Amino acid sequence: MNTSIKHKPAKATNLWFSDHKLFVLLNDGREIGVPLDWFPNLQNASAEDLHQWRFIGDGIGIHWETLNEDISIEGLLN
């Protein structure tokens, strides 16, 4: 009997900011909120630069070209 469970990696489906936090909505319905000070490049960025993000790997990560910043969803969950 095989009891192993294969988990699909969590993927981001939406992203937004408050004054001091980054929020990510995942494909399984969870929302993650993390302080921007975890990511100095984001914390010190202008609002315009913060909103210049894109999902990479079909939602397994987030990339900011102008800020040279990449964040993995797995890393946020760990």
N, C-alpha and C. Protein backbone atom coordinates (compact mmCIF):
# COMPACT_ATOMS: atom_id res chain seq x y z
N MET A 1 0.83 -1.17 0.00
CA MET A 1 0.00 0.00 0.00
C MET A 1 0.88 1.25 0.00
N ASN A 2 0.61 2.13 -0.90
CA ASN A 2 1.38 3.36 -1.01
C ASN A 2 0.64 4.47 -0.28
N THR A 3 1.24 5.00 0.76
CA THR A 3 0.59 6.05 1.55
C THR A 3 1.21 7.42 1.34
N SER A 4 2.14 7.51 0.40
CA SER A 4 2.76 8.81 0.18
C SER A 4 1.76 9.76 -0.48
N ILE A 5 1.84 11.00 -0.08
CA ILE A 5 0.97 12.04 -0.63
C ILE A 5 1.85 12.99 -1.40
N LYS A 6 1.48 13.22 -2.64
CA LYS A 6 2.22 14.19 -3.45
C LYS A 6 1.56 15.54 -3.31
N HIS A 7 2.34 16.49 -2.83
CA HIS A 7 1.84 17.84 -2.67
C HIS A 7 2.27 18.68 -3.86
N LYS A 8 1.34 19.42 -4.40
CA LYS A 8 1.67 20.37 -5.45
C LYS A 8 2.29 21.59 -4.78
N PRO A 9 3.28 22.18 -5.42
CA PRO A 9 3.87 23.39 -4.81
C PRO A 9 2.84 24.52 -4.77
N ALA A 10 2.87 25.26 -3.68
CA ALA A 10 2.00 26.43 -3.57
C ALA A 10 2.44 27.46 -4.60
N LYS A 11 1.46 28.09 -5.23
CA LYS A 11 1.74 29.12 -6.23
C LYS A 11 0.98 30.38 -5.90
N ALA A 12 1.60 31.50 -6.17
CA ALA A 12 0.97 32.79 -5.94
C ALA A 12 -0.01 33.10 -7.08
N THR A 13 -1.14 33.68 -6.69
CA THR A 13 -2.12 34.10 -7.69
C THR A 13 -2.41 35.59 -7.64
N ASN A 14 -2.02 36.24 -6.55
CA ASN A 14 -2.20 37.68 -6.43
C ASN A 14 -1.20 38.21 -5.42
N LEU A 15 -0.95 39.51 -5.49
CA LEU A 15 0.02 40.15 -4.61
C LEU A 15 -0.43 41.58 -4.37
N TRP A 16 -0.28 42.05 -3.11
CA TRP A 16 -0.59 43.44 -2.80
C TRP A 16 0.23 43.87 -1.58
N PHE A 17 0.20 45.17 -1.33
CA PHE A 17 1.01 45.76 -0.25
C PHE A 17 0.14 46.59 0.68
N SER A 18 0.54 46.65 1.95
CA SER A 18 0.06 47.68 2.87
C SER A 18 1.27 48.56 3.13
N ASP A 19 1.18 49.45 4.08
CA ASP A 19 2.31 50.35 4.34
C ASP A 19 3.59 49.61 4.71
N HIS A 20 3.46 48.50 5.43
CA HIS A 20 4.65 47.83 5.94
C HIS A 20 4.68 46.33 5.67
N LYS A 21 3.76 45.84 4.83
CA LYS A 21 3.70 44.40 4.58
C LYS A 21 3.48 44.08 3.11
N LEU A 22 3.97 42.90 2.76
CA LEU A 22 3.73 42.29 1.46
C LEU A 22 2.74 41.15 1.70
N PHE A 23 1.68 41.11 0.92
CA PHE A 23 0.67 40.05 1.03
C PHE A 23 0.64 39.26 -0.27
N VAL A 24 0.50 37.94 -0.13
CA VAL A 24 0.44 37.06 -1.29
C VAL A 24 -0.75 36.11 -1.09
N LEU A 25 -1.58 35.99 -2.12
CA LEU A 25 -2.66 35.03 -2.14
C LEU A 25 -2.18 33.80 -2.89
N LEU A 26 -2.38 32.62 -2.29
CA LEU A 26 -1.93 31.37 -2.90
C LEU A 26 -3.07 30.65 -3.59
N ASN A 27 -2.70 29.74 -4.48
CA ASN A 27 -3.69 29.01 -5.26
C ASN A 27 -4.56 28.08 -4.42
N ASP A 28 -4.18 27.83 -3.18
CA ASP A 28 -4.99 26.98 -2.31
C ASP A 28 -5.85 27.81 -1.35
N GLY A 29 -5.88 29.12 -1.53
CA GLY A 29 -6.72 30.00 -0.73
C GLY A 29 -6.03 30.66 0.46
N ARG A 30 -4.82 30.22 0.80
CA ARG A 30 -4.10 30.85 1.91
C ARG A 30 -3.61 32.23 1.50
N GLU A 31 -3.53 33.11 2.51
CA GLU A 31 -2.92 34.42 2.33
C GLU A 31 -1.72 34.51 3.26
N ILE A 32 -0.62 35.01 2.73
CA ILE A 32 0.60 35.20 3.50
C ILE A 32 0.82 36.70 3.62
N GLY A 33 1.14 37.15 4.80
CA GLY A 33 1.52 38.54 5.02
C GLY A 33 2.86 38.57 5.72
N VAL A 34 3.84 39.23 5.12
CA VAL A 34 5.18 39.30 5.72
C VAL A 34 5.63 40.76 5.77
N PRO A 35 6.41 41.11 6.79
CA PRO A 35 6.91 42.49 6.89
C PRO A 35 7.85 42.82 5.74
N LEU A 36 7.72 44.03 5.22
CA LEU A 36 8.63 44.46 4.16
C LEU A 36 10.07 44.54 4.65
N ASP A 37 10.28 44.71 5.94
CA ASP A 37 11.66 44.81 6.42
C ASP A 37 12.41 43.49 6.34
N TRP A 38 11.72 42.40 6.01
CA TRP A 38 12.41 41.15 5.69
C TRP A 38 13.19 41.28 4.39
N PHE A 39 12.81 42.24 3.57
CA PHE A 39 13.40 42.42 2.24
C PHE A 39 13.81 43.88 2.07
N PRO A 40 15.03 44.23 2.46
CA PRO A 40 15.45 45.63 2.41
C PRO A 40 15.26 46.29 1.05
N ASN A 41 15.46 45.55 -0.04
CA ASN A 41 15.24 46.15 -1.36
C ASN A 41 13.80 46.60 -1.55
N LEU A 42 12.87 45.85 -0.99
CA LEU A 42 11.46 46.22 -1.09
C LEU A 42 11.11 47.33 -0.10
N GLN A 43 11.63 47.23 1.10
CA GLN A 43 11.34 48.21 2.14
C GLN A 43 11.77 49.61 1.72
N ASN A 44 12.89 49.71 1.01
CA ASN A 44 13.44 51.00 0.61
C ASN A 44 12.99 51.45 -0.77
N ALA A 45 12.14 50.67 -1.42
CA ALA A 45 11.72 50.97 -2.80
C ALA A 45 10.58 51.99 -2.82
N SER A 46 10.48 52.68 -3.93
CA SER A 46 9.35 53.58 -4.14
C SER A 46 8.09 52.75 -4.40
N ALA A 47 6.95 53.36 -4.23
CA ALA A 47 5.68 52.67 -4.51
C ALA A 47 5.63 52.25 -5.97
N GLU A 48 6.14 53.07 -6.84
CA GLU A 48 6.17 52.75 -8.27
C GLU A 48 7.01 51.50 -8.53
N ASP A 49 8.19 51.42 -7.93
CA ASP A 49 9.05 50.24 -8.11
C ASP A 49 8.43 48.99 -7.49
N LEU A 50 7.78 49.14 -6.33
CA LEU A 50 7.15 47.98 -5.70
C LEU A 50 6.11 47.34 -6.60
N HIS A 51 5.41 48.15 -7.35
CA HIS A 51 4.33 47.63 -8.18
C HIS A 51 4.80 47.15 -9.56
N GLN A 52 6.10 47.13 -9.77
CA GLN A 52 6.66 46.62 -11.03
C GLN A 52 7.11 45.17 -10.87
N TRP A 53 6.26 44.31 -10.36
CA TRP A 53 6.59 42.91 -10.11
C TRP A 53 5.92 42.03 -11.17
N ARG A 54 6.39 40.79 -11.23
CA ARG A 54 5.73 39.78 -12.07
C ARG A 54 5.96 38.42 -11.43
N PHE A 55 5.02 37.51 -11.66
CA PHE A 55 5.20 36.14 -11.18
C PHE A 55 6.17 35.43 -12.10
N ILE A 56 6.98 34.56 -11.53
CA ILE A 56 7.89 33.73 -12.32
C ILE A 56 7.58 32.27 -12.01
N GLY A 57 7.89 31.41 -12.98
CA GLY A 57 7.67 29.97 -12.80
C GLY A 57 6.21 29.64 -12.55
N ASP A 58 5.31 30.33 -13.25
CA ASP A 58 3.88 30.07 -13.11
C ASP A 58 3.40 30.29 -11.67
N GLY A 59 4.03 31.24 -10.96
CA GLY A 59 3.58 31.60 -9.62
C GLY A 59 4.39 31.02 -8.48
N ILE A 60 5.51 30.33 -8.78
CA ILE A 60 6.32 29.80 -7.68
C ILE A 60 7.26 30.86 -7.11
N GLY A 61 7.31 32.01 -7.75
CA GLY A 61 8.15 33.10 -7.27
C GLY A 61 7.66 34.44 -7.77
N ILE A 62 8.25 35.49 -7.23
CA ILE A 62 7.94 36.87 -7.59
C ILE A 62 9.25 37.56 -7.95
N HIS A 63 9.22 38.36 -9.01
CA HIS A 63 10.43 39.02 -9.49
C HIS A 63 10.18 40.51 -9.68
N TRP A 64 11.14 41.31 -9.23
CA TRP A 64 11.17 42.76 -9.46
C TRP A 64 12.42 43.07 -10.26
N GLU A 65 12.27 43.32 -11.53
CA GLU A 65 13.41 43.59 -12.42
C GLU A 65 14.18 44.82 -11.96
N THR A 66 13.50 45.94 -11.73
CA THR A 66 14.19 47.19 -11.39
C THR A 66 14.85 47.14 -10.02
N LEU A 67 14.37 46.27 -9.14
CA LEU A 67 14.94 46.16 -7.80
C LEU A 67 15.91 45.00 -7.66
N ASN A 68 16.04 44.20 -8.73
CA ASN A 68 16.90 43.01 -8.70
C ASN A 68 16.56 42.12 -7.50
N GLU A 69 15.27 41.83 -7.34
CA GLU A 69 14.78 41.06 -6.19
C GLU A 69 13.93 39.90 -6.68
N ASP A 70 14.17 38.73 -6.10
CA ASP A 70 13.37 37.54 -6.36
C ASP A 70 12.99 36.93 -5.02
N ILE A 71 11.73 36.54 -4.90
CA ILE A 71 11.24 35.89 -3.68
C ILE A 71 10.52 34.62 -4.08
N SER A 72 10.88 33.52 -3.46
CA SER A 72 10.17 32.26 -3.74
C SER A 72 9.01 32.11 -2.76
N ILE A 73 7.92 31.54 -3.25
CA ILE A 73 6.78 31.28 -2.39
C ILE A 73 7.16 30.24 -1.33
N GLU A 74 7.90 29.23 -1.72
CA GLU A 74 8.36 28.22 -0.76
C GLU A 74 9.15 28.87 0.37
N GLY A 75 10.00 29.83 0.03
CA GLY A 75 10.77 30.53 1.05
C GLY A 75 9.88 31.32 2.01
N LEU A 76 8.81 31.92 1.50
CA LEU A 76 7.89 32.63 2.38
C LEU A 76 7.18 31.68 3.33
N LEU A 77 6.89 30.48 2.85
CA LEU A 77 6.19 29.50 3.68
C LEU A 77 7.09 28.86 4.73
N ASN A 78 8.39 28.85 4.45
CA ASN A 78 9.33 28.24 5.40
C ASN A 78 9.80 29.30 6.34
